[in-house]
C-alpha atoms as a PDB file:
ATOM      1  CA  SER A   1     -21.101  27.289   1.565  1.00  0.00           C
ATOM      2  CA  PHE A   2     -21.157  24.509  -1.044  1.00  0.00           C
ATOM      3  CA  MET A   3     -22.682  24.567  -4.485  1.00  0.00           C
ATOM      4  CA  ALA A   4     -25.314  21.970  -5.343  1.00  0.00           C
ATOM      5  CA  ALA A   5     -23.338  18.814  -5.891  1.00  0.00           C
ATOM      6  CA  ILE A   6     -22.931  17.418  -9.381  1.00  0.00           C
ATOM      7  CA  GLN A   7     -24.511  13.955  -9.618  1.00  0.00           C
ATOM      8  CA  SER A   8     -21.594  11.808  -8.519  1.00  0.00           C
ATOM      9  CA  GLN A   9     -22.385   8.101  -8.388  1.00  0.00           C
ATOM     10  CA  VAL A  10     -21.341   6.395  -5.173  1.00  0.00           C
ATOM     11  CA  PHE A  11     -21.766   2.697  -4.361  1.00  0.00           C
ATOM     12  CA  ILE A  12     -22.034   1.791  -0.656  1.00  0.00           C
ATOM     13  CA  VAL A  13     -20.861  -1.625   0.561  1.00  0.00           C
ATOM     14  CA  TYR A  14     -21.361  -2.867   4.111  1.00  0.00           C
ATOM     15  CA  ALA A  15     -21.532  -6.059   6.147  1.00  0.00           C
ATOM     16  CA  HIS A  16     -25.115  -6.346   7.387  1.00  0.00           C
ATOM     17  CA  ASN A  17     -24.213  -7.880  10.742  1.00  0.00           C
ATOM     18  CA  PRO A  18     -21.979  -5.206  12.388  1.00  0.00           C
ATOM     19  CA  LYS A  19     -20.365  -7.586  14.900  1.00  0.00           C
ATOM     20  CA  GLU A  20     -18.146 -10.534  14.073  1.00  0.00           C
ATOM     21  CA  TYR A  21     -20.309 -13.658  14.079  1.00  0.00           C
ATOM     22  CA  THR A  22     -19.784 -16.192  16.875  1.00  0.00           C
ATOM     23  CA  GLN A  23     -21.478 -19.517  16.193  1.00  0.00           C
ATOM     24  CA  LEU A  24     -23.578 -20.898  19.041  1.00  0.00           C
ATOM     25  CA  ARG A  25     -22.678 -24.548  19.567  1.00  0.00           C
ATOM     26  CA  PRO A  26     -25.072 -27.094  21.143  1.00  0.00           C
ATOM     27  CA  PRO A  27     -24.027 -29.188  24.143  1.00  0.00           C
ATOM     28  CA  GLU A  28     -22.289 -32.472  23.324  1.00  0.00           C
ATOM     29  CA  GLY A  29     -22.498 -36.034  24.602  1.00  0.00           C
ATOM     30  CA  ALA A  30     -25.039 -37.271  27.117  1.00  0.00           C
ATOM     31  CA  GLU A  31     -26.229 -33.738  27.942  1.00  0.00           C
ATOM     32  CA  LEU A  32     -27.774 -33.423  24.488  1.00  0.00           C
ATOM     33  CA  GLU A  33     -30.126 -36.337  25.194  1.00  0.00           C
ATOM     34  CA  THR A  34     -31.689 -34.553  28.179  1.00  0.00           C
ATOM     35  CA  SER A  35     -34.916 -32.831  27.135  1.00  0.00           C
ATOM     36  CA  HIS A  36     -34.591 -29.828  29.440  1.00  0.00           C
ATOM     37  CA  VAL A  37     -31.031 -29.222  28.175  1.00  0.00           C
ATOM     38  CA  GLN A  38     -32.304 -29.323  24.606  1.00  0.00           C
ATOM     39  CA  ARG A  39     -35.118 -26.874  25.397  1.00  0.00           C
ATOM     40  CA  ALA A  40     -32.713 -24.512  27.184  1.00  0.00           C
ATOM     41  CA  PHE A  41     -30.342 -24.563  24.206  1.00  0.00           C
ATOM     42  CA  LEU A  42     -33.147 -23.953  21.693  1.00  0.00           C
ATOM     43  CA  GLU A  43     -34.382 -21.003  23.738  1.00  0.00           C
ATOM     44  CA  LYS A  44     -30.868 -19.607  23.947  1.00  0.00           C
ATOM     45  CA  ALA A  45     -30.400 -20.087  20.179  1.00  0.00           C
ATOM     46  CA  LYS A  46     -33.695 -18.285  19.525  1.00  0.00           C
ATOM     47  CA  LEU A  47     -32.623 -15.277  21.617  1.00  0.00           C
ATOM     48  CA  HIS A  48     -29.179 -15.321  19.965  1.00  0.00           C
ATOM     49  CA  ASP A  49     -30.746 -15.239  16.480  1.00  0.00           C
ATOM     50  CA  GLU A  50     -33.161 -12.472  17.485  1.00  0.00           C
ATOM     51  CA  GLU A  51     -30.282 -10.328  18.760  1.00  0.00           C
ATOM     52  CA  ILE A  52     -28.511 -10.762  15.429  1.00  0.00           C
ATOM     53  CA  ARG A  53     -31.693  -9.885  13.494  1.00  0.00           C
ATOM     54  CA  ASP A  54     -32.157  -6.761  15.598  1.00  0.00           C
ATOM     55  CA  SER A  55     -28.516  -5.771  15.074  1.00  0.00           C
ATOM     56  CA  ILE A  56     -28.878  -6.267  11.302  1.00  0.00           C
ATOM     57  CA  ARG A  57     -32.082  -4.195  11.206  1.00  0.00           C
ATOM     58  CA  GLN A  58     -30.481  -1.336  13.126  1.00  0.00           C
ATOM     59  CA  ARG A  59     -27.402  -1.436  10.888  1.00  0.00           C
ATOM     60  CA  GLU A  60     -29.495  -1.396   7.717  1.00  0.00           C
ATOM     61  CA  LYS A  61     -31.551   1.542   9.013  1.00  0.00           C
ATOM     62  CA  LEU A  62     -28.401   3.531   9.827  1.00  0.00           C
ATOM     63  CA  VAL A  63     -26.776   2.888   6.433  1.00  0.00           C
ATOM     64  CA  LYS A  64     -30.023   3.753   4.611  1.00  0.00           C
ATOM     65  CA  THR A  65     -30.214   7.017   6.571  1.00  0.00           C
ATOM     66  CA  PHE A  66     -26.648   7.836   5.505  1.00  0.00           C
ATOM     67  CA  ALA A  67     -27.362   7.002   1.833  1.00  0.00           C
ATOM     68  CA  THR A  68     -30.630   8.994   1.845  1.00  0.00           C
ATOM     69  CA  PHE A  69     -28.870  12.063   3.247  1.00  0.00           C
ATOM     70  CA  LEU A  70     -26.255  11.864   0.499  1.00  0.00           C
ATOM     71  CA  GLU A  71     -28.970  11.549  -2.166  1.00  0.00           C
ATOM     72  CA  ARG A  72     -30.834  14.526  -0.702  1.00  0.00           C
ATOM     73  CA  ASN A  73     -27.669  16.579  -1.169  1.00  0.00           C
ATOM     74  CA  GLY A  74     -26.940  15.710  -4.780  1.00  0.00           C
ATOM     75  CA  VAL A  75     -25.088  12.386  -4.563  1.00  0.00           C
ATOM     76  CA  ASP A  76     -26.359   9.386  -6.544  1.00  0.00           C
ATOM     77  CA  ALA A  77     -25.853   6.838  -3.748  1.00  0.00           C
ATOM     78  CA  LEU A  78     -26.662   3.129  -4.168  1.00  0.00           C
ATOM     79  CA  LEU A  79     -26.559   0.354  -1.560  1.00  0.00           C
ATOM     80  CA  ASP A  80     -25.081  -3.016  -2.453  1.00  0.00           C
ATOM     81  CA  GLN A  81     -28.315  -4.932  -1.789  1.00  0.00           C
ATOM     82  CA  HIS A  82     -30.875  -2.464  -3.137  1.00  0.00           C
ATOM     83  CA  ILE A  83     -31.178  -3.104  -6.873  1.00  0.00           C
ATOM     84  CA  THR A  84     -32.936  -0.260  -8.658  1.00  0.00           C
ATOM     85  CA  ASP A  85     -32.358  -1.256 -12.300  1.00  0.00           C
ATOM     86  CA  GLU A  86     -35.378  -2.912 -13.909  1.00  0.00           C
ATOM     87  CA  GLY A  87     -34.893  -6.285 -15.519  1.00  0.00           C
ATOM     88  CA  THR A  88     -31.857  -7.192 -13.386  1.00  0.00           C
ATOM     89  CA  ASP A  89     -31.730 -10.954 -12.871  1.00  0.00           C
ATOM     90  CA  ASN A  90     -28.049 -11.397 -11.995  1.00  0.00           C
ATOM     91  CA  ARG A  91     -27.383  -9.651  -8.691  1.00  0.00           C
ATOM     92  CA  MET A  92     -23.685 -10.490  -8.678  1.00  0.00           C
ATOM     93  CA  LYS A  93     -23.161  -9.003 -12.143  1.00  0.00           C
ATOM     94  CA  TRP A  94     -25.207  -5.941 -11.138  1.00  0.00           C
ATOM     95  CA  ALA A  95     -23.020  -5.312  -8.063  1.00  0.00           C
ATOM     96  CA  GLN A  96     -19.803  -5.786 -10.025  1.00  0.00           C
ATOM     97  CA  ASP A  97     -20.984  -3.349 -12.714  1.00  0.00           C
ATOM     98  CA  LYS A  98     -21.810  -0.756 -10.038  1.00  0.00           C
ATOM     99  CA  ILE A  99     -18.370  -1.116  -8.448  1.00  0.00           C
ATOM    100  CA  GLU A 100     -16.731  -0.698 -11.852  1.00  0.00           C
ATOM    101  CA  GLY A 101     -18.952   2.195 -12.945  1.00  0.00           C
ATOM    102  CA  SER A 102     -19.170   4.231  -9.739  1.00  0.00           C
ATOM    103  CA  ARG A 103     -16.793   7.080  -9.173  1.00  0.00           C
ATOM    104  CA  PHE A 104     -16.331   6.055  -5.544  1.00  0.00           C
ATOM    105  CA  VAL A 105     -17.093   2.982  -3.456  1.00  0.00           C
ATOM    106  CA  ILE A 106     -17.811   3.751   0.206  1.00  0.00           C
ATOM    107  CA  LEU A 107     -16.896   0.867   2.519  1.00  0.00           C
ATOM    108  CA  ILE A 108     -18.808   0.977   5.815  1.00  0.00           C
ATOM    109  CA  ILE A 109     -16.189  -0.458   8.170  1.00  0.00           C
ATOM    110  CA  SER A 110     -17.234  -2.488  11.207  1.00  0.00           C
ATOM    111  CA  GLU A 111     -15.961  -5.349  13.337  1.00  0.00           C
ATOM    112  CA  SER A 112     -17.389  -7.831  10.817  1.00  0.00           C
ATOM    113  CA  PHE A 113     -16.179  -6.162   7.602  1.00  0.00           C
ATOM    114  CA  LEU A 114     -12.884  -8.045   7.269  1.00  0.00           C
ATOM    115  CA  PRO A 115     -14.501 -11.440   8.043  1.00  0.00           C
ATOM    116  CA  PHE A 116     -17.207 -10.510   5.487  1.00  0.00           C
ATOM    117  CA  LEU A 117     -14.550  -9.620   2.916  1.00  0.00           C
ATOM    118  CA  GLU A 118     -12.614 -12.833   3.576  1.00  0.00           C
ATOM    119  CA  GLY A 119     -15.726 -15.018   3.210  1.00  0.00           C
ATOM    120  CA  LYS A 120     -15.915 -16.267   6.804  1.00  0.00           C
ATOM    121  CA  PRO A 121     -19.183 -17.829   8.114  1.00  0.00           C
ATOM    122  CA  ARG A 122     -22.218 -15.559   8.453  1.00  0.00           C
ATOM    123  CA  PRO A 123     -25.253 -15.855  10.768  1.00  0.00           C
ATOM    124  CA  PRO A 124     -27.907 -18.211   9.311  1.00  0.00           C
ATOM    125  CA  VAL A 125     -30.554 -15.553   9.992  1.00  0.00           C
ATOM    126  CA  ASP A 126     -28.693 -13.071   7.790  1.00  0.00           C
ATOM    127  CA  LYS A 127     -30.258 -13.198   4.317  1.00  0.00           C
ATOM    128  CA  GLU A 128     -27.539 -10.979   2.932  1.00  0.00           C
ATOM    129  CA  PHE A 129     -26.503 -11.877  -0.594  1.00  0.00           C
ATOM    130  CA  ILE A 130     -22.717 -11.937  -0.722  1.00  0.00           C
ATOM    131  CA  PHE A 131     -22.121 -10.623  -4.212  1.00  0.00           C
ATOM    132  CA  SER A 132     -18.640 -12.141  -4.572  1.00  0.00           C
ATOM    133  CA  ASN A 133     -16.272 -11.509  -1.709  1.00  0.00           C
ATOM    134  CA  ASP A 134     -13.318 -12.544  -3.858  1.00  0.00           C
ATOM    135  CA  TYR A 135     -14.184  -9.934  -6.479  1.00  0.00           C
ATOM    136  CA  LEU A 136     -14.404  -7.077  -3.957  1.00  0.00           C
ATOM    137  CA  TYR A 137     -11.280  -8.290  -2.121  1.00  0.00           C
ATOM    138  CA  ASN A 138      -9.281  -8.331  -5.364  1.00  0.00           C
ATOM    139  CA  LYS A 139     -10.554  -4.892  -6.420  1.00  0.00           C
ATOM    140  CA  ILE A 140      -9.555  -3.357  -3.078  1.00  0.00           C
ATOM    141  CA  HIS A 141      -6.087  -4.899  -3.217  1.00  0.00           C
ATOM    142  CA  PHE A 142      -5.552  -4.087  -6.914  1.00  0.00           C
ATOM    143  CA  PRO A 143      -2.821  -1.378  -6.834  1.00  0.00           C
ATOM    144  CA  GLY A 144      -4.411   0.847  -9.478  1.00  0.00           C
ATOM    145  CA  GLU A 145      -7.772   1.017  -7.700  1.00  0.00           C
ATOM    146  CA  CYS A 146      -7.301   1.030  -3.935  1.00  0.00           C
ATOM    147  CA  GLY A 147      -6.138   4.631  -3.489  1.00  0.00           C
ATOM    148  CA  PRO A 148      -8.660   6.941  -5.119  1.00  0.00           C
ATOM    149  CA  LYS A 149     -11.779   4.774  -5.447  1.00  0.00           C
ATOM    150  CA  PHE A 150     -12.407   3.044  -2.094  1.00  0.00           C
ATOM    151  CA  LEU A 151     -13.315   5.293   0.844  1.00  0.00           C
ATOM    152  CA  PRO A 152     -13.402   3.701   4.339  1.00  0.00           C
ATOM    153  CA  VAL A 153     -16.151   5.173   6.555  1.00  0.00           C
ATOM    154  CA  PHE A 154     -16.897   4.417  10.225  1.00  0.00           C
ATOM    155  CA  LEU A 155     -20.571   4.997  11.062  1.00  0.00           C
ATOM    156  CA  ASN A 156     -21.333   5.713  14.724  1.00  0.00           C
ATOM    157  CA  GLN A 157     -18.014   4.306  15.907  1.00  0.00           C
ATOM    158  CA  LYS A 158     -14.470   5.488  16.479  1.00  0.00           C
ATOM    159  CA  LYS A 159     -11.844   5.054  13.784  1.00  0.00           C
ATOM    160  CA  ASP A 160      -9.936   1.807  14.180  1.00  0.00           C
ATOM    161  CA  HIS A 161      -7.275   1.115  11.550  1.00  0.00           C
ATOM    162  CA  SER A 162      -6.974  -2.494  12.701  1.00  0.00           C
ATOM    163  CA  LEU A 163     -10.396  -3.155  11.095  1.00  0.00           C
ATOM    164  CA  LEU A 164      -9.239  -1.986   7.649  1.00  0.00           C
ATOM    165  CA  PRO A 165      -8.018  -4.190   4.797  1.00  0.00           C
ATOM    166  CA  LYS A 166      -4.222  -3.960   4.572  1.00  0.00           C
ATOM    167  CA  ALA A 167      -4.363  -2.215   1.187  1.00  0.00           C
ATOM    168  CA  LEU A 168      -6.339   0.686   2.732  1.00  0.00           C
ATOM    169  CA  MET A 169      -4.200   1.223   5.834  1.00  0.00           C
ATOM    170  CA  ALA A 170      -2.761   4.466   4.438  1.00  0.00           C
ATOM    171  CA  SER A 171      -6.094   5.785   3.088  1.00  0.00           C
ATOM    172  CA  THR A 172      -8.003   8.716   4.517  1.00  0.00           C
ATOM    173  CA  VAL A 173     -10.573   7.354   6.975  1.00  0.00           C
ATOM    174  CA  TYR A 174     -13.833   9.160   7.784  1.00  0.00           C
ATOM    175  CA  GLU A 175     -15.794   9.037  11.038  1.00  0.00           C
ATOM    176  CA  ILE A 176     -19.475   9.934  10.529  1.00  0.00           C
ATOM    177  CA  HIS A 177     -22.165  10.047  13.211  1.00  0.00           C
ATOM    178  CA  GLU A 178     -25.901   9.535  12.825  1.00  0.00           C
ATOM    179  CA  ARG A 179     -26.744  12.999  14.151  1.00  0.00           C
ATOM    180  CA  GLU A 180     -24.980  14.528  11.114  1.00  0.00           C
ATOM    181  CA  VAL A 181     -27.025  12.644   8.523  1.00  0.00           C
ATOM    182  CA  SER A 182     -30.404  12.091  10.180  1.00  0.00           C
ATOM    183  CA  GLY A 183     -31.963  15.470   9.385  1.00  0.00           C
ATOM    184  CA  THR A 184     -34.366  16.192   6.526  1.00  0.00           C
ATOM    185  CA  SER A 185     -33.035  19.672   5.767  1.00  0.00           C
ATOM    186  CA  PRO A 186     -30.287  20.407   3.212  1.00  0.00           C
ATOM    187  CA  LEU A 187     -26.634  20.230   4.203  1.00  0.00           C
ATOM    188  CA  ASP A 188     -25.805  22.601   7.059  1.00  0.00           C
ATOM    189  CA  THR A 189     -22.026  22.930   7.297  1.00  0.00           C
ATOM    190  CA  SER A 190     -22.220  24.368  10.817  1.00  0.00           C
ATOM    191  CA  LYS A 191     -23.631  21.060  12.106  1.00  0.00           C
ATOM    192  CA  CYS A 192     -21.265  18.749  10.222  1.00  0.00           C
ATOM    193  CA  SER A 193     -17.936  17.400  11.382  1.00  0.00           C
ATOM    194  CA  GLU A 194     -14.675  17.954   9.536  1.00  0.00           C
ATOM    195  CA  ASP A 195     -14.730  14.307   8.465  1.00  0.00           C
ATOM    196  CA  PHE A 196     -18.182  14.514   6.886  1.00  0.00           C
ATOM    197  CA  LEU A 197     -17.388  17.752   5.055  1.00  0.00           C
ATOM    198  CA  SER A 198     -14.121  16.276   3.768  1.00  0.00           C
ATOM    199  CA  LEU A 199     -15.941  13.152   2.557  1.00  0.00           C
ATOM    200  CA  TYR A 200     -18.718  15.194   0.941  1.00  0.00           C
ATOM    201  CA  CYS A 201     -16.232  17.446  -0.853  1.00  0.00           C
ATOM    202  CA  ARG A 202     -14.257  14.471  -2.088  1.00  0.00           C
ATOM    203  CA  ILE A 203     -17.182  12.576  -3.591  1.00  0.00           C
ATOM    204  CA  THR A 204     -18.669  15.733  -5.153  1.00  0.00           C
ATOM    205  CA  GLY A 205     -15.386  17.127  -6.471  1.00  0.00           C
ATOM    206  CA  GLN A 206     -15.568  20.369  -4.478  1.00  0.00           C
ATOM    207  CA  THR A 207     -12.928  22.159  -2.431  1.00  0.00           C
ATOM    208  CA  ARG A 208     -13.295  23.146   1.198  1.00  0.00           C
ATOM    209  CA  TYR A 209     -11.501  26.458   0.904  1.00  0.00           C
ATOM    210  CA  SER A 210     -11.250  28.979  -1.922  1.00  0.00           C
ATOM    211  CA  ARG A 211      -7.851  30.206  -3.007  1.00  0.00           C
ATOM    212  CA  PRO A 212      -6.946  33.718  -1.883  1.00  0.00           C
ATOM    213  CA  ALA A 213      -6.700  36.427  -4.520  1.00  0.00           C
ATOM    214  CA  ILE A 214      -3.209  37.124  -5.821  1.00  0.00           C
ATOM    215  CA  GLY A 215      -1.985  40.497  -4.612  1.00  0.00           C
ATOM    216  CA  ALA A 216       1.263  42.373  -4.349  1.00  0.00           C
ATOM    217  CA  PRO A 217       4.316  40.255  -3.555  1.00  0.00           C
ATOM    218  CA  VAL A 218       5.153  39.960   0.109  1.00  0.00           C
ATOM    219  CA  ILE A 219       8.657  41.180   0.904  1.00  0.00           C
ATOM    220  CA  PRO A 220      10.152  38.952   3.577  1.00  0.00           C
ATOM    221  CA  VAL A 221      11.549  40.656   6.670  1.00  0.00           C
ATOM    222  CA  PRO A 222      15.125  39.552   7.373  1.00  0.00           C
ATOM    223  CA  LEU A 223      15.314  37.429  10.502  1.00  0.00           C
ATOM    224  CA  ALA A 224      17.776  38.199  13.240  1.00  0.00           C
ATOM    225  CA  ARG A 225      20.821  35.968  13.038  1.00  0.00           C
ATOM    226  CA  ILE A 226      20.899  33.198  15.606  1.00  0.00           C
ATOM    227  CA  PRO A 227      24.277  32.865  17.290  1.00  0.00           C
ATOM    228  CA  PHE A 228      26.026  29.738  16.110  1.00  0.00           C
ATOM    229  CA  GLY A 229      26.842  27.162  18.723  1.00  0.00           C
ATOM    230  CA  PRO A 230      26.844  23.446  19.321  1.00  0.00           C
ATOM    231  CA  LYS A 231      23.457  21.771  19.672  1.00  0.00           C
ATOM    232  CA  PRO A 232      22.744  20.324  23.084  1.00  0.00           C
ATOM    233  CA  GLY A 233      23.346  16.584  23.208  1.00  0.00           C
ATOM    234  CA  MET A 234      21.309  13.849  24.806  1.00  0.00           C
ATOM    235  CA  THR A 235      20.509  14.138  28.471  1.00  0.00           C
ATOM    236  CA  GLU A 236      21.293  11.228  30.741  1.00  0.00           C
ATOM    237  CA  GLN A 237      17.617  10.268  30.834  1.00  0.00           C
ATOM    238  CA  GLN A 238      17.343  10.361  27.029  1.00  0.00           C
ATOM    239  CA  ARG A 239      20.485   8.250  26.686  1.00  0.00           C
ATOM    240  CA  THR A 240      18.971   5.637  29.025  1.00  0.00           C
ATOM    241  CA  LYS A 241      15.788   5.510  26.935  1.00  0.00           C
ATOM    242  CA  PHE A 242      17.817   5.234  23.723  1.00  0.00           C
ATOM    243  CA  ASP A 243      19.880   2.366  25.137  1.00  0.00           C
ATOM    244  CA  CYS A 244      16.663   0.496  26.032  1.00  0.00           C
ATOM    245  CA  LEU A 245      15.082   1.077  22.604  1.00  0.00           C
ATOM    246  CA  SER A 246      18.274   0.054  20.787  1.00  0.00           C
ATOM    247  CA  LYS A 247      17.920  -3.463  22.167  1.00  0.00           C
ATOM    248  CA  LEU A 248      14.407  -3.918  20.702  1.00  0.00           C
ATOM    249  CA  ASN A 249      14.844  -5.490  17.278  1.00  0.00           C
ATOM    250  CA  ASN A 250      11.209  -6.581  17.075  1.00  0.00           C
ATOM    251  CA  PRO A 251       9.279  -5.211  14.072  1.00  0.00           C
ATOM    252  CA  LEU A 252       7.234  -2.039  14.315  1.00  0.00           C
ATOM    253  CA  LEU A 253       3.634  -3.337  14.233  1.00  0.00           C
ATOM    254  CA  LYS A 254       0.772  -1.566  12.443  1.00  0.00           C
ATOM    255  CA  PRO A 255      -1.017  -0.326  15.600  1.00  0.00           C
ATOM    256  CA  LEU A 256       2.208   1.288  16.834  1.00  0.00           C
ATOM    257  CA  GLN A 257       2.847   2.841  13.403  1.00  0.00           C
ATOM    258  CA  SER A 258      -0.648   4.318  13.472  1.00  0.00           C
ATOM    259  CA  LYS A 259      -0.201   5.762  16.977  1.00  0.00           C
ATOM    260  CA  LEU A 260       3.149   7.333  16.053  1.00  0.00           C
ATOM    261  CA  ALA A 261       1.642   8.838  12.905  1.00  0.00           C
ATOM    262  CA  GLU A 262      -1.167  10.357  14.987  1.00  0.00           C
ATOM    263  CA  SER A 263       1.373  11.946  17.339  1.00  0.00           C
ATOM    264  CA  GLU A 264       2.135  15.497  16.215  1.00  0.00           C
ATOM    265  CA  ALA A 265       5.485  15.415  18.011  1.00  0.00           C
ATOM    266  CA  PHE A 266       6.541  12.428  15.879  1.00  0.00           C
ATOM    267  CA  SER A 267       4.719  12.893  12.562  1.00  0.00           C
ATOM    268  CA  LYS A 268       6.113  16.388  11.887  1.00  0.00           C
ATOM    269  CA  HIS A 269       9.545  14.774  11.429  1.00  0.00           C
ATOM    270  CA  TRP A 270       8.293  12.046   9.045  1.00  0.00           C
ATOM    271  CA  ARG A 271      10.426  13.218   6.094  1.00  0.00           C
ATOM    272  CA  GLU A 272      13.751  13.254   7.987  1.00  0.00           C
ATOM    273  CA  ILE A 273      12.960   9.916   9.638  1.00  0.00           C
ATOM    274  CA  GLY A 274      11.944   8.372   6.312  1.00  0.00           C
ATOM    275  CA  SER A 275      15.206   9.525   4.774  1.00  0.00           C
ATOM    276  CA  LYS A 276      17.218   7.938   7.592  1.00  0.00           C
ATOM    277  CA  LEU A 277      15.212   4.711   7.160  1.00  0.00           C
ATOM    278  CA  GLY A 278      16.408   4.510   3.565  1.00  0.00           C
ATOM    279  CA  LEU A 279      13.662   6.097   1.443  1.00  0.00           C
ATOM    280  CA  THR A 280      14.740   7.810  -1.768  1.00  0.00           C
ATOM    281  CA  PRO A 281      13.713  11.396  -2.664  1.00  0.00           C
ATOM    282  CA  VAL A 282      11.230   9.969  -5.193  1.00  0.00           C
ATOM    283  CA  GLU A 283       9.597   7.767  -2.544  1.00  0.00           C
ATOM    284  CA  LEU A 284       9.427  10.685  -0.117  1.00  0.00           C
ATOM    285  CA  ALA A 285       7.793  12.799  -2.832  1.00  0.00           C
ATOM    286  CA  GLN A 286       5.153  10.086  -3.293  1.00  0.00           C
ATOM    287  CA  CYS A 287       4.316  10.283   0.413  1.00  0.00           C
ATOM    288  CA  GLU A 288       4.074  14.081   0.087  1.00  0.00           C
ATOM    289  CA  GLN A 289       1.031  13.675  -2.194  1.00  0.00           C
ATOM    290  CA  TYR A 290      -1.149  12.532   0.715  1.00  0.00           C
ATOM    291  CA  GLY A 291      -3.399  15.067   2.429  1.00  0.00           C
ATOM    292  CA  ASP A 292      -2.108  15.708   5.920  1.00  0.00           C
ATOM    293  CA  THR A 293       0.898  15.030   8.123  1.00  0.00           C
ATOM    294  CA  TYR A 294      -0.690  11.926   9.658  1.00  0.00           C
ATOM    295  CA  GLU A 295      -1.280  10.303   6.263  1.00  0.00           C
ATOM    296  CA  ARG A 296       2.206  11.214   5.020  1.00  0.00           C
ATOM    297  CA  CYS A 297       3.824   9.725   8.109  1.00  0.00           C
ATOM    298  CA  TYR A 298       1.739   6.556   7.940  1.00  0.00           C
ATOM    299  CA  GLN A 299       2.399   6.222   4.198  1.00  0.00           C
ATOM    300  CA  MET A 300       6.125   6.613   4.921  1.00  0.00           C
ATOM    301  CA  PHE A 301       5.934   3.509   7.147  1.00  0.00           C
ATOM    302  CA  GLU A 302       4.002   1.681   4.423  1.00  0.00           C
ATOM    303  CA  VAL A 303       6.565   2.527   1.721  1.00  0.00           C
ATOM    304  CA  VAL A 304       9.448   1.454   3.970  1.00  0.00           C
ATOM    305  CA  GLY A 305       7.708  -1.886   4.482  1.00  0.00           C
ATOM    306  CA  ARG A 306       7.036  -2.369   0.744  1.00  0.00           C
ATOM    307  CA  THR A 307      10.521  -1.448  -0.427  1.00  0.00           C
ATOM    308  CA  GLY A 308      12.009  -4.105   1.820  1.00  0.00           C
ATOM    309  CA  VAL A 309      14.561  -1.918   3.580  1.00  0.00           C
ATOM    310  CA  ALA A 310      15.147  -4.832   5.940  1.00  0.00           C
ATOM    311  CA  GLY A 311      11.890  -3.909   7.704  1.00  0.00           C
ATOM    312  CA  VAL A 312      11.323  -1.279  10.380  1.00  0.00           C
ATOM    313  CA  SER A 313      12.256  -2.236  13.916  1.00  0.00           C
ATOM    314  CA  VAL A 314      11.978  -0.214  17.118  1.00  0.00           C
ATOM    315  CA  ALA A 315      15.778  -0.053  17.323  1.00  0.00           C
ATOM    316  CA  LYS A 316      16.088   1.319  13.762  1.00  0.00           C
ATOM    317  CA  LEU A 317      13.432   3.922  14.438  1.00  0.00           C
ATOM    318  CA  ALA A 318      15.226   5.068  17.587  1.00  0.00           C
ATOM    319  CA  GLU A 319      18.515   5.255  15.647  1.00  0.00           C
ATOM    320  CA  ALA A 320      16.818   7.398  12.970  1.00  0.00           C
ATOM    321  CA  ALA A 321      15.574   9.790  15.677  1.00  0.00           C
ATOM    322  CA  ARG A 322      19.123   9.938  17.130  1.00  0.00           C
ATOM    323  CA  GLN A 323      20.632  10.746  13.730  1.00  0.00           C
ATOM    324  CA  ILE A 324      18.301  13.704  13.194  1.00  0.00           C
ATOM    325  CA  GLU A 325      18.983  14.798  16.808  1.00  0.00           C
ATOM    326  CA  GLN A 326      15.321  14.652  17.855  1.00  0.00           C
ATOM    327  CA  TYR A 327      16.030  12.984  21.178  1.00  0.00           C
ATOM    328  CA  GLN A 328      12.606  13.823  22.616  1.00  0.00           C
ATOM    329  CA  LEU A 329      11.131  11.206  20.254  1.00  0.00           C
ATOM    330  CA  PHE A 330      12.639   8.423  22.393  1.00  0.00           C
ATOM    331  CA  GLU A 331      10.047   9.211  25.049  1.00  0.00           C
ATOM    332  CA  VAL A 332       7.213   9.256  22.452  1.00  0.00           C
ATOM    333  CA  ILE A 333       8.218   5.823  21.082  1.00  0.00           C
ATOM    334  CA  GLN A 334       8.588   4.354  24.560  1.00  0.00           C
ATOM    335  CA  MET A 335       5.225   5.758  25.699  1.00  0.00           C
ATOM    336  CA  TYR A 336       3.324   4.108  22.832  1.00  0.00           C
ATOM    337  CA  LEU A 337       5.252   0.874  23.309  1.00  0.00           C
ATOM    338  CA  GLU A 338       4.106   0.711  26.928  1.00  0.00           C
ATOM    339  CA  ASN A 339       0.504   1.506  25.976  1.00  0.00           C
END
């Protein structure tokens, strides 16, 4: 069970229209002069705008439900468009102050979040006040801020790293569903997902598990000696796969990096692979600071890309797997390449 959370201020930012906006264009040329064509287009535009309004209303309701549930359980949660301070006449300054002053900034990720962040066109029916896209973009990509402060959350949708800003690719991502936050009762851990509990613990500064009491030292039992012998080499099938992968000098794209990091068969060897890709012990130790094996493996790819070790290609990755004699990884790499 969790203690009552200390008041931890959290600022929630989201793009009101959850889907990327597609502008409806009127017919051109002589067709526009025809009255029935004009009426048909205006009717279509009206329905298009109403669909967007409905989508915005549903999104706002969902985010408010999420924020209310956090507040009910001891978190001081504020939404980017809901000013509560009296006498506030500069909404942009208010939002910037909240981002600076909050302990965490939750980013509700959706299909439209990156276009929102990059200042791309919004639906005319959306009255959302963009409180300085450039400011938020720069804060997310500022190296000293992006790790601990900004928390990407997917509400009622599957995690999709392709929707994240590049600076947050290696961050912990949380997938929260409406059924977890729609109740009126206090937090019930038995009904919450691992992602929600992890997020809640992080923003309230609590730990999921208590440390065991220190007892008598455990005396290790000597293991039976394993007879020494040569390790089995590559099979003919593995050699064929390696030969195919060795010819692929194209860069390892982000989606493929993410899939490999999610694969337990691959990610458990992240340290050895990172070493063969040229990372130093210090850089490997930096990756070790991240929570789980997936994050460490993905961060390893990120560090390799930043340090400019001539980039990561499929061929280099296959060669790293060959050097550490993990030949079964050829099949894992090839499988995700084909998918």
